[in-house]
Amino acid sequence: MPRGRYSLHDPHDHTPLGEEHFHCAPGPSGWRYVAQRTTPSGDHAGSIDLALDELGRPIRLEVNAASWQVRGAAIDGVTWVRTDPTGTHATEGNAPAHAFTGTSPAFLVATARLLRLTPDSPSTRVRLVALTDPVLAPRTLDQSWTLLNSEAHATDNGPLTVDEYQVSALDTGEQHTVHISGDVVLAAPGIELEGLETPPSTFS
């Protein structure tokens, strides 16, 4: 069960946004990721609990940030309920999308798991519902994912396969690179892996 810590920062001006302390593991029904977020000063800032089925679809998502909460799942596309900080108002939403995304590294692993690209795969378009900070406002967006390279690196615990993806935002044309090994993001815009207690899990 990988357990570790990501540091998060603004990908444009590198302003520190805090840290995400996580653990994750594959299971008989898919994959689960649980994390707590802290601010740069160390205060609690939110949490995420994401469970995927064996095909990479989100079967349960709960995200908390700035006292807002979103619960969602892949139902008729993706469906969610967003609750305000007072807990008195809840709004339901639905979109013809494949999955959720956001600033958590979990969403990058989840999208890669959903697409299951190989170096021979063509660029693949995916529609996602982004939960935007700081109030988890939902926004539908389209991305294109390409697996550029999959390379094994020697480590003390055996070979570690690192997948290099090119992710393109289809509305702006902006492109960036994401490096993932198993169920851990090694590097991505705004994300740095600061510590990892156990090696990444490998998916069958």
C-alpha atoms as a PDB file:
ATOM      1  CA  MET A   1       0.000   0.000   0.000  1.00  0.00           C
ATOM      2  CA  PRO A   2       1.832   3.139  -1.161  1.00  0.00           C
ATOM      3  CA  ARG A   3       1.804   5.884   1.447  1.00  0.00           C
ATOM      4  CA  GLY A   4       3.427   9.244   0.956  1.00  0.00           C
ATOM      5  CA  ARG A   5       3.231  12.967   0.518  1.00  0.00           C
ATOM      6  CA  TYR A   6       2.798  15.301  -2.443  1.00  0.00           C
ATOM      7  CA  SER A   7       3.559  19.008  -2.399  1.00  0.00           C
ATOM      8  CA  LEU A   8       1.174  21.130  -4.449  1.00  0.00           C
ATOM      9  CA  HIS A   9       1.878  24.490  -6.033  1.00  0.00           C
ATOM     10  CA  ASP A  10       0.439  26.794  -8.648  1.00  0.00           C
ATOM     11  CA  PRO A  11       1.785  25.471 -11.978  1.00  0.00           C
ATOM     12  CA  HIS A  12       2.118  29.006 -13.371  1.00  0.00           C
ATOM     13  CA  ASP A  13       3.743  31.079 -10.623  1.00  0.00           C
ATOM     14  CA  HIS A  14       4.805  28.209  -8.288  1.00  0.00           C
ATOM     15  CA  THR A  15       2.967  29.639  -5.273  1.00  0.00           C
ATOM     16  CA  PRO A  16       2.857  26.859  -2.621  1.00  0.00           C
ATOM     17  CA  LEU A  17      -0.680  25.511  -2.161  1.00  0.00           C
ATOM     18  CA  GLY A  18       0.005  22.950   0.545  1.00  0.00           C
ATOM     19  CA  GLU A  19       0.511  19.221   0.792  1.00  0.00           C
ATOM     20  CA  GLU A  20      -1.501  16.064   0.219  1.00  0.00           C
ATOM     21  CA  HIS A  21      -0.785  13.128   2.559  1.00  0.00           C
ATOM     22  CA  PHE A  22      -2.078   9.970   0.891  1.00  0.00           C
ATOM     23  CA  HIS A  23      -2.321   6.219   0.903  1.00  0.00           C
ATOM     24  CA  CYS A  24      -3.717   4.082  -1.877  1.00  0.00           C
ATOM     25  CA  ALA A  25      -4.018   0.451  -2.877  1.00  0.00           C
ATOM     26  CA  PRO A  26      -5.494  -1.802  -5.551  1.00  0.00           C
ATOM     27  CA  GLY A  27      -8.088  -4.282  -4.364  1.00  0.00           C
ATOM     28  CA  PRO A  28     -10.317  -7.042  -5.725  1.00  0.00           C
ATOM     29  CA  SER A  29     -12.818  -4.504  -7.072  1.00  0.00           C
ATOM     30  CA  GLY A  30     -10.434  -1.825  -8.330  1.00  0.00           C
ATOM     31  CA  TRP A  31      -8.399   0.903  -6.613  1.00  0.00           C
ATOM     32  CA  ARG A  32      -8.876   3.288  -3.686  1.00  0.00           C
ATOM     33  CA  TYR A  33      -7.101   6.524  -2.803  1.00  0.00           C
ATOM     34  CA  VAL A  34      -7.521   8.382   0.490  1.00  0.00           C
ATOM     35  CA  ALA A  35      -5.778  11.644   1.351  1.00  0.00           C
ATOM     36  CA  GLN A  36      -5.805  14.612   3.698  1.00  0.00           C
ATOM     37  CA  ARG A  37      -4.788  18.071   2.537  1.00  0.00           C
ATOM     38  CA  THR A  38      -2.962  20.720   4.526  1.00  0.00           C
ATOM     39  CA  THR A  39      -2.272  24.390   3.835  1.00  0.00           C
ATOM     40  CA  PRO A  40       1.307  25.719   3.525  1.00  0.00           C
ATOM     41  CA  SER A  41       1.106  26.570   7.243  1.00  0.00           C
ATOM     42  CA  GLY A  42       0.095  22.992   8.101  1.00  0.00           C
ATOM     43  CA  ASP A  43      -3.615  23.528   8.822  1.00  0.00           C
ATOM     44  CA  HIS A  44      -6.204  21.028   7.603  1.00  0.00           C
ATOM     45  CA  ALA A  45      -7.517  22.077   4.176  1.00  0.00           C
ATOM     46  CA  GLY A  46      -9.652  19.183   2.951  1.00  0.00           C
ATOM     47  CA  SER A  47      -9.763  15.534   2.020  1.00  0.00           C
ATOM     48  CA  ILE A  48     -10.394  13.145  -0.837  1.00  0.00           C
ATOM     49  CA  ASP A  49     -11.663   9.571  -0.945  1.00  0.00           C
ATOM     50  CA  LEU A  50     -11.802   8.046  -4.428  1.00  0.00           C
ATOM     51  CA  ALA A  51     -12.672   4.461  -5.334  1.00  0.00           C
ATOM     52  CA  LEU A  52     -12.448   3.059  -8.866  1.00  0.00           C
ATOM     53  CA  ASP A  53     -13.868  -0.159 -10.233  1.00  0.00           C
ATOM     54  CA  GLU A  54     -11.700  -2.645 -12.143  1.00  0.00           C
ATOM     55  CA  LEU A  55     -12.319  -0.689 -15.380  1.00  0.00           C
ATOM     56  CA  GLY A  56     -11.134   2.577 -13.841  1.00  0.00           C
ATOM     57  CA  ARG A  57     -14.571   4.163 -13.472  1.00  0.00           C
ATOM     58  CA  PRO A  58     -15.272   6.221 -10.325  1.00  0.00           C
ATOM     59  CA  ILE A  59     -17.704   4.202  -8.231  1.00  0.00           C
ATOM     60  CA  ARG A  60     -17.406   6.541  -5.242  1.00  0.00           C
ATOM     61  CA  LEU A  61     -15.919   9.989  -4.782  1.00  0.00           C
ATOM     62  CA  GLU A  62     -16.017  12.270  -1.776  1.00  0.00           C
ATOM     63  CA  VAL A  63     -14.061  15.520  -1.811  1.00  0.00           C
ATOM     64  CA  ASN A  64     -14.020  18.174   0.905  1.00  0.00           C
ATOM     65  CA  ALA A  65     -12.468  21.641   0.572  1.00  0.00           C
ATOM     66  CA  ALA A  66     -13.157  25.001   2.229  1.00  0.00           C
ATOM     67  CA  SER A  67     -16.148  23.340   3.971  1.00  0.00           C
ATOM     68  CA  TRP A  68     -17.679  22.475   0.596  1.00  0.00           C
ATOM     69  CA  GLN A  69     -18.341  18.812  -0.177  1.00  0.00           C
ATOM     70  CA  VAL A  70     -18.887  16.880  -3.388  1.00  0.00           C
ATOM     71  CA  ARG A  71     -20.023  13.272  -3.533  1.00  0.00           C
ATOM     72  CA  GLY A  72     -20.103  11.635  -6.935  1.00  0.00           C
ATOM     73  CA  ALA A  73     -19.992   8.463  -8.998  1.00  0.00           C
ATOM     74  CA  ALA A  74     -20.177   7.204 -12.570  1.00  0.00           C
ATOM     75  CA  ILE A  75     -23.958   7.038 -13.041  1.00  0.00           C
ATOM     76  CA  ASP A  76     -25.456   8.013 -16.429  1.00  0.00           C
ATOM     77  CA  GLY A  77     -22.145   9.658 -17.260  1.00  0.00           C
ATOM     78  CA  VAL A  78     -21.035  11.172 -13.971  1.00  0.00           C
ATOM     79  CA  THR A  79     -23.438  12.378 -11.295  1.00  0.00           C
ATOM     80  CA  TRP A  80     -22.658  14.393  -8.184  1.00  0.00           C
ATOM     81  CA  VAL A  81     -24.155  16.248  -5.236  1.00  0.00           C
ATOM     82  CA  ARG A  82     -22.429  19.447  -4.067  1.00  0.00           C
ATOM     83  CA  THR A  83     -23.167  20.747  -0.567  1.00  0.00           C
ATOM     84  CA  ASP A  84     -22.402  24.273   0.665  1.00  0.00           C
ATOM     85  CA  PRO A  85     -20.474  25.013   3.894  1.00  0.00           C
ATOM     86  CA  THR A  86     -23.661  25.578   5.911  1.00  0.00           C
ATOM     87  CA  GLY A  87     -25.022  22.177   4.906  1.00  0.00           C
ATOM     88  CA  THR A  88     -28.398  23.675   4.117  1.00  0.00           C
ATOM     89  CA  HIS A  89     -28.180  23.667   0.322  1.00  0.00           C
ATOM     90  CA  ALA A  90     -27.285  20.721  -1.888  1.00  0.00           C
ATOM     91  CA  THR A  91     -27.296  20.864  -5.675  1.00  0.00           C
ATOM     92  CA  GLU A  92     -27.277  17.841  -7.935  1.00  0.00           C
ATOM     93  CA  GLY A  93     -25.411  17.694 -11.201  1.00  0.00           C
ATOM     94  CA  ASN A  94     -24.911  15.317 -14.091  1.00  0.00           C
ATOM     95  CA  ALA A  95     -22.748  15.417 -17.203  1.00  0.00           C
ATOM     96  CA  PRO A  96     -22.109  13.044 -20.123  1.00  0.00           C
ATOM     97  CA  ALA A  97     -18.508  12.594 -19.020  1.00  0.00           C
ATOM     98  CA  HIS A  98     -16.223   9.647 -18.277  1.00  0.00           C
ATOM     99  CA  ALA A  99     -14.829  10.619 -14.872  1.00  0.00           C
ATOM    100  CA  PHE A 100     -13.851  13.440 -12.517  1.00  0.00           C
ATOM    101  CA  THR A 101     -10.675  15.462 -12.322  1.00  0.00           C
ATOM    102  CA  GLY A 102      -9.186  18.135 -10.080  1.00  0.00           C
ATOM    103  CA  THR A 103      -5.949  19.215  -8.459  1.00  0.00           C
ATOM    104  CA  SER A 104      -5.385  15.959  -6.560  1.00  0.00           C
ATOM    105  CA  PRO A 105      -2.797  13.607  -8.110  1.00  0.00           C
ATOM    106  CA  ALA A 106      -5.381  10.844  -7.616  1.00  0.00           C
ATOM    107  CA  PHE A 107      -7.304  12.072 -10.631  1.00  0.00           C
ATOM    108  CA  LEU A 108      -4.286  11.686 -12.930  1.00  0.00           C
ATOM    109  CA  VAL A 109      -3.828   8.077 -11.847  1.00  0.00           C
ATOM    110  CA  ALA A 110      -7.569   7.497 -12.257  1.00  0.00           C
ATOM    111  CA  THR A 111      -7.648   8.902 -15.797  1.00  0.00           C
ATOM    112  CA  ALA A 112      -4.603   6.869 -16.824  1.00  0.00           C
ATOM    113  CA  ARG A 113      -6.255   3.788 -15.337  1.00  0.00           C
ATOM    114  CA  LEU A 114      -9.480   4.506 -17.198  1.00  0.00           C
ATOM    115  CA  LEU A 115      -7.786   4.959 -20.588  1.00  0.00           C
ATOM    116  CA  ARG A 116      -5.218   2.119 -20.289  1.00  0.00           C
ATOM    117  CA  LEU A 117      -3.113   3.438 -23.133  1.00  0.00           C
ATOM    118  CA  THR A 118      -0.137   1.664 -24.665  1.00  0.00           C
ATOM    119  CA  PRO A 119       2.716   3.331 -26.581  1.00  0.00           C
ATOM    120  CA  ASP A 120       0.959   2.141 -29.751  1.00  0.00           C
ATOM    121  CA  SER A 121      -2.383   3.704 -28.801  1.00  0.00           C
ATOM    122  CA  PRO A 122      -3.501   6.796 -30.704  1.00  0.00           C
ATOM    123  CA  SER A 123      -4.176   9.994 -28.794  1.00  0.00           C
ATOM    124  CA  THR A 124      -7.388   9.437 -26.849  1.00  0.00           C
ATOM    125  CA  ARG A 125      -9.987  12.067 -26.051  1.00  0.00           C
ATOM    126  CA  VAL A 126     -11.670  11.999 -22.663  1.00  0.00           C
ATOM    127  CA  ARG A 127     -14.392  14.217 -21.182  1.00  0.00           C
ATOM    128  CA  LEU A 128     -14.007  14.998 -17.486  1.00  0.00           C
ATOM    129  CA  VAL A 129     -15.825  17.000 -14.825  1.00  0.00           C
ATOM    130  CA  ALA A 130     -13.236  19.158 -13.044  1.00  0.00           C
ATOM    131  CA  LEU A 131     -13.876  20.124  -9.435  1.00  0.00           C
ATOM    132  CA  THR A 132     -12.177  23.505  -9.314  1.00  0.00           C
ATOM    133  CA  ASP A 133     -10.605  24.980  -6.197  1.00  0.00           C
ATOM    134  CA  PRO A 134     -11.346  26.408  -3.758  1.00  0.00           C
ATOM    135  CA  VAL A 135     -15.092  25.697  -3.694  1.00  0.00           C
ATOM    136  CA  LEU A 136     -15.246  22.500  -5.816  1.00  0.00           C
ATOM    137  CA  ALA A 137     -17.225  24.159  -8.576  1.00  0.00           C
ATOM    138  CA  PRO A 138     -17.858  21.596 -11.347  1.00  0.00           C
ATOM    139  CA  ARG A 139     -16.717  22.370 -14.895  1.00  0.00           C
ATOM    140  CA  THR A 140     -16.807  19.984 -17.854  1.00  0.00           C
ATOM    141  CA  LEU A 141     -13.675  19.858 -19.982  1.00  0.00           C
ATOM    142  CA  ASP A 142     -12.134  17.751 -22.727  1.00  0.00           C
ATOM    143  CA  GLN A 143      -8.573  16.440 -22.738  1.00  0.00           C
ATOM    144  CA  SER A 144      -6.454  14.358 -25.093  1.00  0.00           C
ATOM    145  CA  TRP A 145      -4.071  11.807 -23.547  1.00  0.00           C
ATOM    146  CA  THR A 146      -1.126  10.180 -25.322  1.00  0.00           C
ATOM    147  CA  LEU A 147       1.288   7.661 -23.808  1.00  0.00           C
ATOM    148  CA  LEU A 148       4.629   8.864 -25.148  1.00  0.00           C
ATOM    149  CA  ASN A 149       6.897   6.354 -23.461  1.00  0.00           C
ATOM    150  CA  SER A 150       6.890   3.476 -20.969  1.00  0.00           C
ATOM    151  CA  GLU A 151      10.310   2.730 -19.552  1.00  0.00           C
ATOM    152  CA  ALA A 152      11.609   0.438 -16.793  1.00  0.00           C
ATOM    153  CA  HIS A 153      14.111   1.911 -14.340  1.00  0.00           C
ATOM    154  CA  ALA A 154      16.277  -0.205 -12.042  1.00  0.00           C
ATOM    155  CA  THR A 155      15.726   0.356  -8.300  1.00  0.00           C
ATOM    156  CA  ASP A 156      16.686  -1.399  -5.068  1.00  0.00           C
ATOM    157  CA  ASN A 157      13.229  -3.019  -5.068  1.00  0.00           C
ATOM    158  CA  GLY A 158      13.359  -4.203  -8.670  1.00  0.00           C
ATOM    159  CA  PRO A 159      12.433  -2.514 -11.939  1.00  0.00           C
ATOM    160  CA  LEU A 160      10.097   0.472 -11.741  1.00  0.00           C
ATOM    161  CA  THR A 161       8.050   1.180 -14.862  1.00  0.00           C
ATOM    162  CA  VAL A 162       7.447   4.865 -15.517  1.00  0.00           C
ATOM    163  CA  ASP A 163       4.799   5.972 -18.010  1.00  0.00           C
ATOM    164  CA  GLU A 164       5.172   9.382 -19.639  1.00  0.00           C
ATOM    165  CA  TYR A 165       1.914  10.937 -20.832  1.00  0.00           C
ATOM    166  CA  GLN A 166       1.250  14.040 -22.854  1.00  0.00           C
ATOM    167  CA  VAL A 167      -1.995  15.674 -21.773  1.00  0.00           C
ATOM    168  CA  SER A 168      -3.578  18.346 -23.961  1.00  0.00           C
ATOM    169  CA  ALA A 169      -6.419  20.665 -22.995  1.00  0.00           C
ATOM    170  CA  LEU A 170      -8.645  20.720 -26.067  1.00  0.00           C
ATOM    171  CA  ASP A 171     -10.198  24.102 -25.252  1.00  0.00           C
ATOM    172  CA  THR A 172      -6.899  26.003 -24.948  1.00  0.00           C
ATOM    173  CA  GLY A 173      -4.390  23.752 -26.714  1.00  0.00           C
ATOM    174  CA  GLU A 174      -2.163  23.827 -23.619  1.00  0.00           C
ATOM    175  CA  GLN A 175      -0.012  20.715 -23.260  1.00  0.00           C
ATOM    176  CA  HIS A 176       1.845  19.268 -20.302  1.00  0.00           C
ATOM    177  CA  THR A 177       3.630  16.065 -19.341  1.00  0.00           C
ATOM    178  CA  VAL A 178       2.679  13.667 -16.567  1.00  0.00           C
ATOM    179  CA  HIS A 179       4.922  10.875 -15.230  1.00  0.00           C
ATOM    180  CA  ILE A 180       3.157   8.006 -13.448  1.00  0.00           C
ATOM    181  CA  SER A 181       4.472   4.764 -12.002  1.00  0.00           C
ATOM    182  CA  GLY A 182       1.738   2.306 -11.052  1.00  0.00           C
ATOM    183  CA  ASP A 183      -0.599   4.256  -8.789  1.00  0.00           C
ATOM    184  CA  VAL A 184       1.787   7.085  -7.888  1.00  0.00           C
ATOM    185  CA  VAL A 185       2.349  10.368  -9.757  1.00  0.00           C
ATOM    186  CA  LEU A 186       6.089  11.004  -9.926  1.00  0.00           C
ATOM    187  CA  ALA A 187       5.828  14.446 -11.533  1.00  0.00           C
ATOM    188  CA  ALA A 188       3.179  16.679 -13.092  1.00  0.00           C
ATOM    189  CA  PRO A 189       2.496  20.424 -13.333  1.00  0.00           C
ATOM    190  CA  GLY A 190       1.808  21.711  -9.835  1.00  0.00           C
ATOM    191  CA  ILE A 191       2.613  18.337  -8.234  1.00  0.00           C
ATOM    192  CA  GLU A 192       5.830  17.002  -6.720  1.00  0.00           C
ATOM    193  CA  LEU A 193       6.225  13.677  -4.934  1.00  0.00           C
ATOM    194  CA  GLU A 194       8.059  14.595  -1.716  1.00  0.00           C
ATOM    195  CA  GLY A 195       8.063  11.235   0.050  1.00  0.00           C
ATOM    196  CA  LEU A 196       7.014   7.632  -0.534  1.00  0.00           C
ATOM    197  CA  GLU A 197       7.244   4.953   2.145  1.00  0.00           C
ATOM    198  CA  THR A 198       6.605   1.931  -0.091  1.00  0.00           C
ATOM    199  CA  PRO A 199       6.947   1.353  -3.861  1.00  0.00           C
ATOM    200  CA  PRO A 200       3.994   2.083  -6.154  1.00  0.00           C
ATOM    201  CA  SER A 201       1.452  -0.680  -6.654  1.00  0.00           C
ATOM    202  CA  THR A 202       1.303  -2.314 -10.057  1.00  0.00           C
ATOM    203  CA  PHE A 203      -2.019  -2.917 -11.741  1.00  0.00           C
ATOM    204  CA  SER A 204      -2.680  -6.322 -13.229  1.00  0.00           C
END
